[in-house]
C-alpha atoms as a PDB file:
ATOM      1  CA  MET A   1      31.679 156.098  61.454  1.00  0.00           C
ATOM      2  CA  ASP A   2      28.799 155.256  59.810  1.00  0.00           C
ATOM      3  CA  VAL A   3      29.651 151.762  57.713  1.00  0.00           C
ATOM      4  CA  GLU A   4      26.138 150.655  56.451  1.00  0.00           C
ATOM      5  CA  ASN A   5      26.768 151.461  52.707  1.00  0.00           C
ATOM      6  CA  ILE A   6      30.090 149.402  52.850  1.00  0.00           C
ATOM      7  CA  LYS A   7      28.287 146.420  54.984  1.00  0.00           C
ATOM      8  CA  GLN A   8      25.754 146.617  52.273  1.00  0.00           C
ATOM      9  CA  ILE A   9      28.716 146.006  49.525  1.00  0.00           C
ATOM     10  CA  ILE A  10      30.263 143.414  51.383  1.00  0.00           C
ATOM     11  CA  GLU A  11      26.981 141.259  51.877  1.00  0.00           C
ATOM     12  CA  ARG A  12      26.166 141.147  48.217  1.00  0.00           C
ATOM     13  CA  GLN A  13      28.192 138.216  47.510  1.00  0.00           C
ATOM     14  CA  PRO A  14      30.608 135.604  49.433  1.00  0.00           C
ATOM     15  CA  ASN A  15      33.673 137.156  50.446  1.00  0.00           C
ATOM     16  CA  LEU A  16      36.643 136.467  53.312  1.00  0.00           C
ATOM     17  CA  SER A  17      34.396 139.028  55.600  1.00  0.00           C
ATOM     18  CA  THR A  18      31.336 136.952  55.140  1.00  0.00           C
ATOM     19  CA  HIS A  19      33.291 133.669  54.841  1.00  0.00           C
ATOM     20  CA  LEU A  20      35.065 134.114  58.579  1.00  0.00           C
ATOM     21  CA  GLY A  21      31.903 135.574  59.843  1.00  0.00           C
ATOM     22  CA  MET A  22      32.885 139.472  60.676  1.00  0.00           C
ATOM     23  CA  ASN A  23      30.038 141.749  61.657  1.00  0.00           C
ATOM     24  CA  PHE A  24      31.073 145.496  60.850  1.00  0.00           C
ATOM     25  CA  ILE A  25      29.489 148.047  63.218  1.00  0.00           C
ATOM     26  CA  SER A  26      28.857 151.874  62.796  1.00  0.00           C
ATOM     27  CA  THR A  27      30.032 153.969  65.881  1.00  0.00           C
ATOM     28  CA  PRO A  28      29.319 157.403  66.929  1.00  0.00           C
ATOM     29  CA  ASP A  29      33.182 158.458  66.693  1.00  0.00           C
ATOM     30  CA  ASP A  30      34.141 159.747  63.016  1.00  0.00           C
ATOM     31  CA  ASP A  31      37.737 157.990  63.291  1.00  0.00           C
ATOM     32  CA  MET A  32      36.886 154.592  64.807  1.00  0.00           C
ATOM     33  CA  CYS A  33      34.893 151.613  63.727  1.00  0.00           C
ATOM     34  CA  MET A  34      34.374 148.302  65.201  1.00  0.00           C
ATOM     35  CA  ALA A  35      33.658 144.858  63.988  1.00  0.00           C
ATOM     36  CA  THR A  36      32.772 141.362  66.046  1.00  0.00           C
ATOM     37  CA  MET A  37      33.508 137.498  64.976  1.00  0.00           C
ATOM     38  CA  LYS A  38      32.436 134.450  66.655  1.00  0.00           C
ATOM     39  CA  VAL A  39      35.245 131.904  67.021  1.00  0.00           C
ATOM     40  CA  ASP A  40      34.228 128.913  65.257  1.00  0.00           C
ATOM     41  CA  GLU A  41      35.153 126.232  62.625  1.00  0.00           C
ATOM     42  CA  ARG A  42      35.425 128.892  59.972  1.00  0.00           C
ATOM     43  CA  ASN A  43      38.233 130.770  61.807  1.00  0.00           C
ATOM     44  CA  ARG A  44      40.025 128.782  64.525  1.00  0.00           C
ATOM     45  CA  GLN A  45      42.922 126.495  64.368  1.00  0.00           C
ATOM     46  CA  PRO A  46      42.711 122.565  64.527  1.00  0.00           C
ATOM     47  CA  PHE A  47      43.365 122.874  68.382  1.00  0.00           C
ATOM     48  CA  GLY A  48      40.279 125.138  68.840  1.00  0.00           C
ATOM     49  CA  PHE A  49      41.857 128.812  69.035  1.00  0.00           C
ATOM     50  CA  LEU A  50      41.264 131.508  67.174  1.00  0.00           C
ATOM     51  CA  SER A  51      43.819 131.543  64.020  1.00  0.00           C
ATOM     52  CA  GLY A  52      46.282 134.482  64.247  1.00  0.00           C
ATOM     53  CA  GLY A  53      45.518 134.915  60.541  1.00  0.00           C
ATOM     54  CA  ALA A  54      41.955 135.397  61.328  1.00  0.00           C
ATOM     55  CA  SER A  55      42.718 137.947  63.766  1.00  0.00           C
ATOM     56  CA  LEU A  56      44.858 139.715  61.190  1.00  0.00           C
ATOM     57  CA  ALA A  57      42.136 139.294  58.467  1.00  0.00           C
ATOM     58  CA  LEU A  58      39.607 140.986  60.863  1.00  0.00           C
ATOM     59  CA  ALA A  59      41.865 143.891  61.696  1.00  0.00           C
ATOM     60  CA  GLU A  60      42.440 144.487  57.738  1.00  0.00           C
ATOM     61  CA  ASN A  61      38.899 143.869  56.698  1.00  0.00           C
ATOM     62  CA  LEU A  62      37.886 146.367  59.306  1.00  0.00           C
ATOM     63  CA  ALA A  63      40.623 148.956  58.611  1.00  0.00           C
ATOM     64  CA  GLY A  64      39.494 148.541  54.814  1.00  0.00           C
ATOM     65  CA  VAL A  65      35.690 149.276  56.011  1.00  0.00           C
ATOM     66  CA  GLY A  66      36.865 152.164  57.635  1.00  0.00           C
ATOM     67  CA  SER A  67      38.800 153.715  55.104  1.00  0.00           C
ATOM     68  CA  SER A  68      35.844 152.995  52.314  1.00  0.00           C
ATOM     69  CA  SER A  69      33.501 154.583  54.605  1.00  0.00           C
ATOM     70  CA  LEU A  70      35.479 157.601  54.802  1.00  0.00           C
ATOM     71  CA  CYS A  71      36.436 157.819  50.904  1.00  0.00           C
ATOM     72  CA  PRO A  72      33.027 156.870  48.855  1.00  0.00           C
ATOM     73  CA  GLY A  73      33.788 155.932  45.507  1.00  0.00           C
ATOM     74  CA  LYS A  74      37.446 155.030  46.079  1.00  0.00           C
ATOM     75  CA  ILE A  75      39.039 151.766  46.254  1.00  0.00           C
ATOM     76  CA  CYS A  76      40.757 150.959  49.438  1.00  0.00           C
ATOM     77  CA  VAL A  77      43.494 148.084  49.589  1.00  0.00           C
ATOM     78  CA  GLY A  78      45.797 147.085  52.549  1.00  0.00           C
ATOM     79  CA  ILE A  79      49.411 147.524  51.559  1.00  0.00           C
ATOM     80  CA  SER A  80      50.826 146.579  55.194  1.00  0.00           C
ATOM     81  CA  VAL A  81      49.345 144.569  58.196  1.00  0.00           C
ATOM     82  CA  SER A  82      51.511 144.112  60.978  1.00  0.00           C
ATOM     83  CA  GLY A  83      50.417 142.551  64.487  1.00  0.00           C
ATOM     84  CA  SER A  84      50.899 140.844  67.751  1.00  0.00           C
ATOM     85  CA  HIS A  85      48.839 138.065  69.545  1.00  0.00           C
ATOM     86  CA  VAL A  86      49.115 138.235  73.098  1.00  0.00           C
ATOM     87  CA  LYS A  87      46.470 135.959  74.461  1.00  0.00           C
ATOM     88  CA  ALA A  88      44.483 132.922  72.891  1.00  0.00           C
ATOM     89  CA  VAL A  89      40.856 132.877  72.316  1.00  0.00           C
ATOM     90  CA  SER A  90      38.786 129.673  72.659  1.00  0.00           C
ATOM     91  CA  GLU A  91      35.912 128.471  70.225  1.00  0.00           C
ATOM     92  CA  GLY A  92      32.417 129.692  71.015  1.00  0.00           C
ATOM     93  CA  ASP A  93      34.098 133.118  72.396  1.00  0.00           C
ATOM     94  CA  THR A  94      33.287 136.128  70.512  1.00  0.00           C
ATOM     95  CA  VAL A  95      35.909 138.751  69.503  1.00  0.00           C
ATOM     96  CA  THR A  96      35.412 142.579  68.730  1.00  0.00           C
ATOM     97  CA  ALA A  97      37.791 144.597  66.957  1.00  0.00           C
ATOM     98  CA  ILE A  98      38.258 148.573  67.401  1.00  0.00           C
ATOM     99  CA  ALA A  99      39.892 150.448  64.773  1.00  0.00           C
ATOM    100  CA  HIS A 100      41.096 154.029  65.610  1.00  0.00           C
ATOM    101  CA  LEU A 101      42.179 156.152  62.563  1.00  0.00           C
ATOM    102  CA  VAL A 102      45.729 157.352  63.112  1.00  0.00           C
ATOM    103  CA  GLN A 103      46.608 159.144  59.730  1.00  0.00           C
ATOM    104  CA  ARG A 104      44.283 160.243  57.016  1.00  0.00           C
ATOM    105  CA  GLY A 105      46.037 161.463  53.974  1.00  0.00           C
ATOM    106  CA  LYS A 106      44.869 161.493  50.409  1.00  0.00           C
ATOM    107  CA  THR A 107      46.125 158.248  49.440  1.00  0.00           C
ATOM    108  CA  ILE A 108      47.678 156.656  52.758  1.00  0.00           C
ATOM    109  CA  HIS A 109      45.464 155.772  55.889  1.00  0.00           C
ATOM    110  CA  VAL A 110      47.034 154.062  58.832  1.00  0.00           C
ATOM    111  CA  TRP A 111      44.721 152.528  61.565  1.00  0.00           C
ATOM    112  CA  ASN A 112      45.387 150.998  64.840  1.00  0.00           C
ATOM    113  CA  VAL A 113      43.203 147.906  65.658  1.00  0.00           C
ATOM    114  CA  GLU A 114      42.773 146.304  69.041  1.00  0.00           C
ATOM    115  CA  VAL A 115      41.018 143.098  68.965  1.00  0.00           C
ATOM    116  CA  ASN A 116      39.538 141.826  72.406  1.00  0.00           C
ATOM    117  CA  ASN A 117      37.801 138.541  73.756  1.00  0.00           C
ATOM    118  CA  SER A 118      34.332 138.664  75.225  1.00  0.00           C
ATOM    119  CA  ALA A 119      35.836 139.473  78.707  1.00  0.00           C
ATOM    120  CA  GLY A 120      37.446 142.662  77.221  1.00  0.00           C
ATOM    121  CA  GLU A 121      41.022 141.251  77.349  1.00  0.00           C
ATOM    122  CA  LEU A 122      43.476 142.117  74.423  1.00  0.00           C
ATOM    123  CA  ILE A 123      44.163 139.303  72.094  1.00  0.00           C
ATOM    124  CA  SER A 124      45.887 140.948  69.413  1.00  0.00           C
ATOM    125  CA  ILE A 125      47.357 144.685  68.339  1.00  0.00           C
ATOM    126  CA  VAL A 126      47.308 145.358  64.537  1.00  0.00           C
ATOM    127  CA  THR A 127      48.531 148.111  62.519  1.00  0.00           C
ATOM    128  CA  VAL A 128      47.043 148.398  58.933  1.00  0.00           C
ATOM    129  CA  THR A 129      48.107 150.937  56.167  1.00  0.00           C
ATOM    130  CA  ASN A 130      45.730 151.122  53.398  1.00  0.00           C
ATOM    131  CA  TYR A 131      46.047 152.844  50.117  1.00  0.00           C
ATOM    132  CA  ILE A 132      43.406 154.966  48.649  1.00  0.00           C
ATOM    133  CA  ILE A 133      43.028 154.947  44.755  1.00  0.00           C
ATOM    134  CA  SER A 134      40.453 156.106  42.304  1.00  0.00           C
ATOM    135  CA  SER A 135      37.963 153.290  41.039  1.00  0.00           C
ATOM    136  CA  LYS A 136      38.148 152.762  37.347  1.00  0.00           C
ATOM    137  CA  LYS A 137      34.565 154.189  37.133  1.00  0.00           C
ATOM    138  CA  ASN A 138      35.920 157.446  38.943  1.00  0.00           C
ATOM    139  CA  SER A 139      38.926 157.645  36.601  1.00  0.00           C
END
């Protein structure tokens, strides 16, 4: 999935993705996208571990990038995010999120996102549902 156009939009101004250090990566698979995020002072708990909220934010933002890439000219918003955290990640590590499109409808996309540490161990598993709407420009 080519996410370069969406990446350019994200990088135009500060937002949650840029603040937390998310890096979105294109993949050869049309139903999959990836992102990485270094665990540092921007996204860790006071105890030095990746915040579970930051993991969920990574998954939701990645699924949004995926849906936006599939639906040029549309606005894609997360309407449901549900996840489980199964392992802690220490500051200094980098996590990789891989999102797989499970359902692609006209107005609803469902993604399964796995977040892994640099050793490839599962950290979080997240399901994201996005609502796809026309932008006001296209109405």
